[in-house]
Amino acid sequence: MADTIDVTVFTRSTCPRTDAARAVLDKAHGRFPIALTEVDVTFDAALEIAYGNDTPVVLIEGTERFRREVDEHELNIILQTLQMKRGLRREGPKA
């Protein structure tokens, strides 16, 4: 059983929605045991083709959950459900 919930966010440096998505994800990171990975699609042609101007795109445990905007309430429900199913505890603050 994994100790964290894998969250991957595909971004691009020129995406105006990235900062808002980061703020929501950072807030969730403080509440839930997530392993957050950010990938800039501009460095990978296949990812650029796949996600284009739809960034940010958020995958939770490999399943796409959000595209263009991250709904904080929905994100919390998804993470809380996964946390409960796995019996995970919240991580402490990162040092």
C-alpha atoms as a PDB file:
ATOM      1  CA  MET A   1       0.000   0.000   0.000  1.00  0.00           C
ATOM      2  CA  ALA A   2       1.378   3.407  -0.960  1.00  0.00           C
ATOM      3  CA  ASP A   3       1.911   5.991   1.774  1.00  0.00           C
ATOM      4  CA  THR A   4       0.884   8.860  -0.483  1.00  0.00           C
ATOM      5  CA  ILE A   5      -1.568   9.724  -3.221  1.00  0.00           C
ATOM      6  CA  ASP A   6       0.196  10.463  -6.515  1.00  0.00           C
ATOM      7  CA  VAL A   7      -0.830  13.773  -8.066  1.00  0.00           C
ATOM      8  CA  THR A   8       0.728  14.941 -11.319  1.00  0.00           C
ATOM      9  CA  VAL A   9       0.048  18.349 -12.793  1.00  0.00           C
ATOM     10  CA  PHE A  10       0.972  19.093 -16.389  1.00  0.00           C
ATOM     11  CA  THR A  11       1.677  22.794 -16.896  1.00  0.00           C
ATOM     12  CA  ARG A  12       3.350  25.190 -19.263  1.00  0.00           C
ATOM     13  CA  SER A  13       5.297  28.274 -18.287  1.00  0.00           C
ATOM     14  CA  THR A  14       3.051  30.536 -20.359  1.00  0.00           C
ATOM     15  CA  CYS A  15      -0.236  29.200 -18.956  1.00  0.00           C
ATOM     16  CA  PRO A  16      -2.155  31.945 -17.124  1.00  0.00           C
ATOM     17  CA  ARG A  17      -4.152  29.361 -15.130  1.00  0.00           C
ATOM     18  CA  THR A  18      -1.131  27.618 -13.621  1.00  0.00           C
ATOM     19  CA  ASP A  19      -0.740  29.878 -10.578  1.00  0.00           C
ATOM     20  CA  ALA A  20      -4.369  29.383  -9.522  1.00  0.00           C
ATOM     21  CA  ALA A  21      -4.046  25.598  -9.898  1.00  0.00           C
ATOM     22  CA  ARG A  22      -0.791  25.582  -7.918  1.00  0.00           C
ATOM     23  CA  ALA A  23      -2.454  27.494  -5.080  1.00  0.00           C
ATOM     24  CA  VAL A  24      -5.273  24.942  -4.845  1.00  0.00           C
ATOM     25  CA  LEU A  25      -2.861  22.004  -5.054  1.00  0.00           C
ATOM     26  CA  ASP A  26      -0.488  23.504  -2.478  1.00  0.00           C
ATOM     27  CA  LYS A  27      -3.383  23.976  -0.080  1.00  0.00           C
ATOM     28  CA  ALA A  28      -4.431  20.341  -0.605  1.00  0.00           C
ATOM     29  CA  HIS A  29      -0.834  19.235  -0.108  1.00  0.00           C
ATOM     30  CA  GLY A  30      -1.015  20.680   3.401  1.00  0.00           C
ATOM     31  CA  ARG A  31      -4.153  18.664   4.190  1.00  0.00           C
ATOM     32  CA  PHE A  32      -3.614  15.334   2.450  1.00  0.00           C
ATOM     33  CA  PRO A  33      -0.735  12.859   2.052  1.00  0.00           C
ATOM     34  CA  ILE A  34      -0.015  13.588  -1.591  1.00  0.00           C
ATOM     35  CA  ALA A  35       3.131  13.249  -3.660  1.00  0.00           C
ATOM     36  CA  LEU A  36       2.890  16.195  -6.020  1.00  0.00           C
ATOM     37  CA  THR A  37       4.816  16.194  -9.310  1.00  0.00           C
ATOM     38  CA  GLU A  38       4.754  19.077 -11.766  1.00  0.00           C
ATOM     39  CA  VAL A  39       5.686  18.525 -15.414  1.00  0.00           C
ATOM     40  CA  ASP A  40       6.160  21.341 -17.926  1.00  0.00           C
ATOM     41  CA  VAL A  41       4.781  20.057 -21.228  1.00  0.00           C
ATOM     42  CA  THR A  42       6.908  22.428 -23.294  1.00  0.00           C
ATOM     43  CA  PHE A  43       9.891  20.107 -22.796  1.00  0.00           C
ATOM     44  CA  ASP A  44       8.151  17.028 -24.244  1.00  0.00           C
ATOM     45  CA  ALA A  45       6.645  17.082 -27.740  1.00  0.00           C
ATOM     46  CA  ALA A  46       4.221  14.235 -27.021  1.00  0.00           C
ATOM     47  CA  LEU A  47       2.895  15.939 -23.887  1.00  0.00           C
ATOM     48  CA  GLU A  48       2.642  19.247 -25.740  1.00  0.00           C
ATOM     49  CA  ILE A  49       0.508  17.551 -28.388  1.00  0.00           C
ATOM     50  CA  ALA A  50      -1.614  15.754 -25.784  1.00  0.00           C
ATOM     51  CA  TYR A  51      -2.310  18.740 -23.554  1.00  0.00           C
ATOM     52  CA  GLY A  52      -1.629  21.743 -25.788  1.00  0.00           C
ATOM     53  CA  ASN A  53      -3.379  24.814 -24.420  1.00  0.00           C
ATOM     54  CA  ASP A  54      -5.496  22.813 -21.959  1.00  0.00           C
ATOM     55  CA  THR A  55      -3.013  23.150 -19.107  1.00  0.00           C
ATOM     56  CA  PRO A  56      -3.039  22.725 -16.268  1.00  0.00           C
ATOM     57  CA  VAL A  57      -4.081  19.084 -16.415  1.00  0.00           C
ATOM     58  CA  VAL A  58      -4.205  17.181 -13.124  1.00  0.00           C
ATOM     59  CA  LEU A  59      -3.895  13.410 -12.840  1.00  0.00           C
ATOM     60  CA  ILE A  60      -4.643  11.701  -9.555  1.00  0.00           C
ATOM     61  CA  GLU A  61      -3.275   8.184  -9.361  1.00  0.00           C
ATOM     62  CA  GLY A  62      -2.874   8.275 -13.149  1.00  0.00           C
ATOM     63  CA  THR A  63      -6.467   9.279 -13.914  1.00  0.00           C
ATOM     64  CA  GLU A  64      -7.166  12.683 -15.406  1.00  0.00           C
ATOM     65  CA  ARG A  65      -9.384  14.599 -12.988  1.00  0.00           C
ATOM     66  CA  PHE A  66      -9.062  18.251 -14.027  1.00  0.00           C
ATOM     67  CA  ARG A  67      -8.282  20.147 -17.195  1.00  0.00           C
ATOM     68  CA  ARG A  68      -7.758  23.922 -17.368  1.00  0.00           C
ATOM     69  CA  GLU A  69      -9.130  24.564 -13.856  1.00  0.00           C
ATOM     70  CA  VAL A  70      -8.873  22.757 -10.535  1.00  0.00           C
ATOM     71  CA  ASP A  71     -12.062  22.767  -8.495  1.00  0.00           C
ATOM     72  CA  GLU A  72     -10.937  22.897  -4.858  1.00  0.00           C
ATOM     73  CA  HIS A  73     -14.080  21.304  -3.438  1.00  0.00           C
ATOM     74  CA  GLU A  74     -14.034  18.413  -5.912  1.00  0.00           C
ATOM     75  CA  LEU A  75     -10.288  17.913  -5.371  1.00  0.00           C
ATOM     76  CA  ASN A  76     -10.814  17.673  -1.606  1.00  0.00           C
ATOM     77  CA  ILE A  77     -13.578  15.091  -2.047  1.00  0.00           C
ATOM     78  CA  ILE A  78     -11.413  12.951  -4.342  1.00  0.00           C
ATOM     79  CA  LEU A  79      -8.395  13.119  -2.022  1.00  0.00           C
ATOM     80  CA  GLN A  80     -10.442  12.507   1.119  1.00  0.00           C
ATOM     81  CA  THR A  81     -12.075   9.465  -0.468  1.00  0.00           C
ATOM     82  CA  LEU A  82      -8.712   8.008  -1.499  1.00  0.00           C
ATOM     83  CA  GLN A  83      -7.228   8.787   1.915  1.00  0.00           C
ATOM     84  CA  MET A  84     -10.075   7.013   3.704  1.00  0.00           C
ATOM     85  CA  LYS A  85     -10.006   3.979   1.376  1.00  0.00           C
ATOM     86  CA  ARG A  86      -6.288   3.525   1.987  1.00  0.00           C
ATOM     87  CA  GLY A  87      -6.285   4.423   5.673  1.00  0.00           C
ATOM     88  CA  LEU A  88      -3.640   7.068   5.083  1.00  0.00           C
ATOM     89  CA  ARG A  89      -2.707   9.791   7.497  1.00  0.00           C
ATOM     90  CA  ARG A  90      -1.884  13.350   6.668  1.00  0.00           C
ATOM     91  CA  GLU A  91       1.808  14.063   6.209  1.00  0.00           C
ATOM     92  CA  GLY A  92       3.496  16.433   8.561  1.00  0.00           C
ATOM     93  CA  PRO A  93       4.875  19.700   7.271  1.00  0.00           C
ATOM     94  CA  LYS A  94       7.840  19.405   4.928  1.00  0.00           C
ATOM     95  CA  ALA A  95      11.093  20.501   6.528  1.00  0.00           C
END
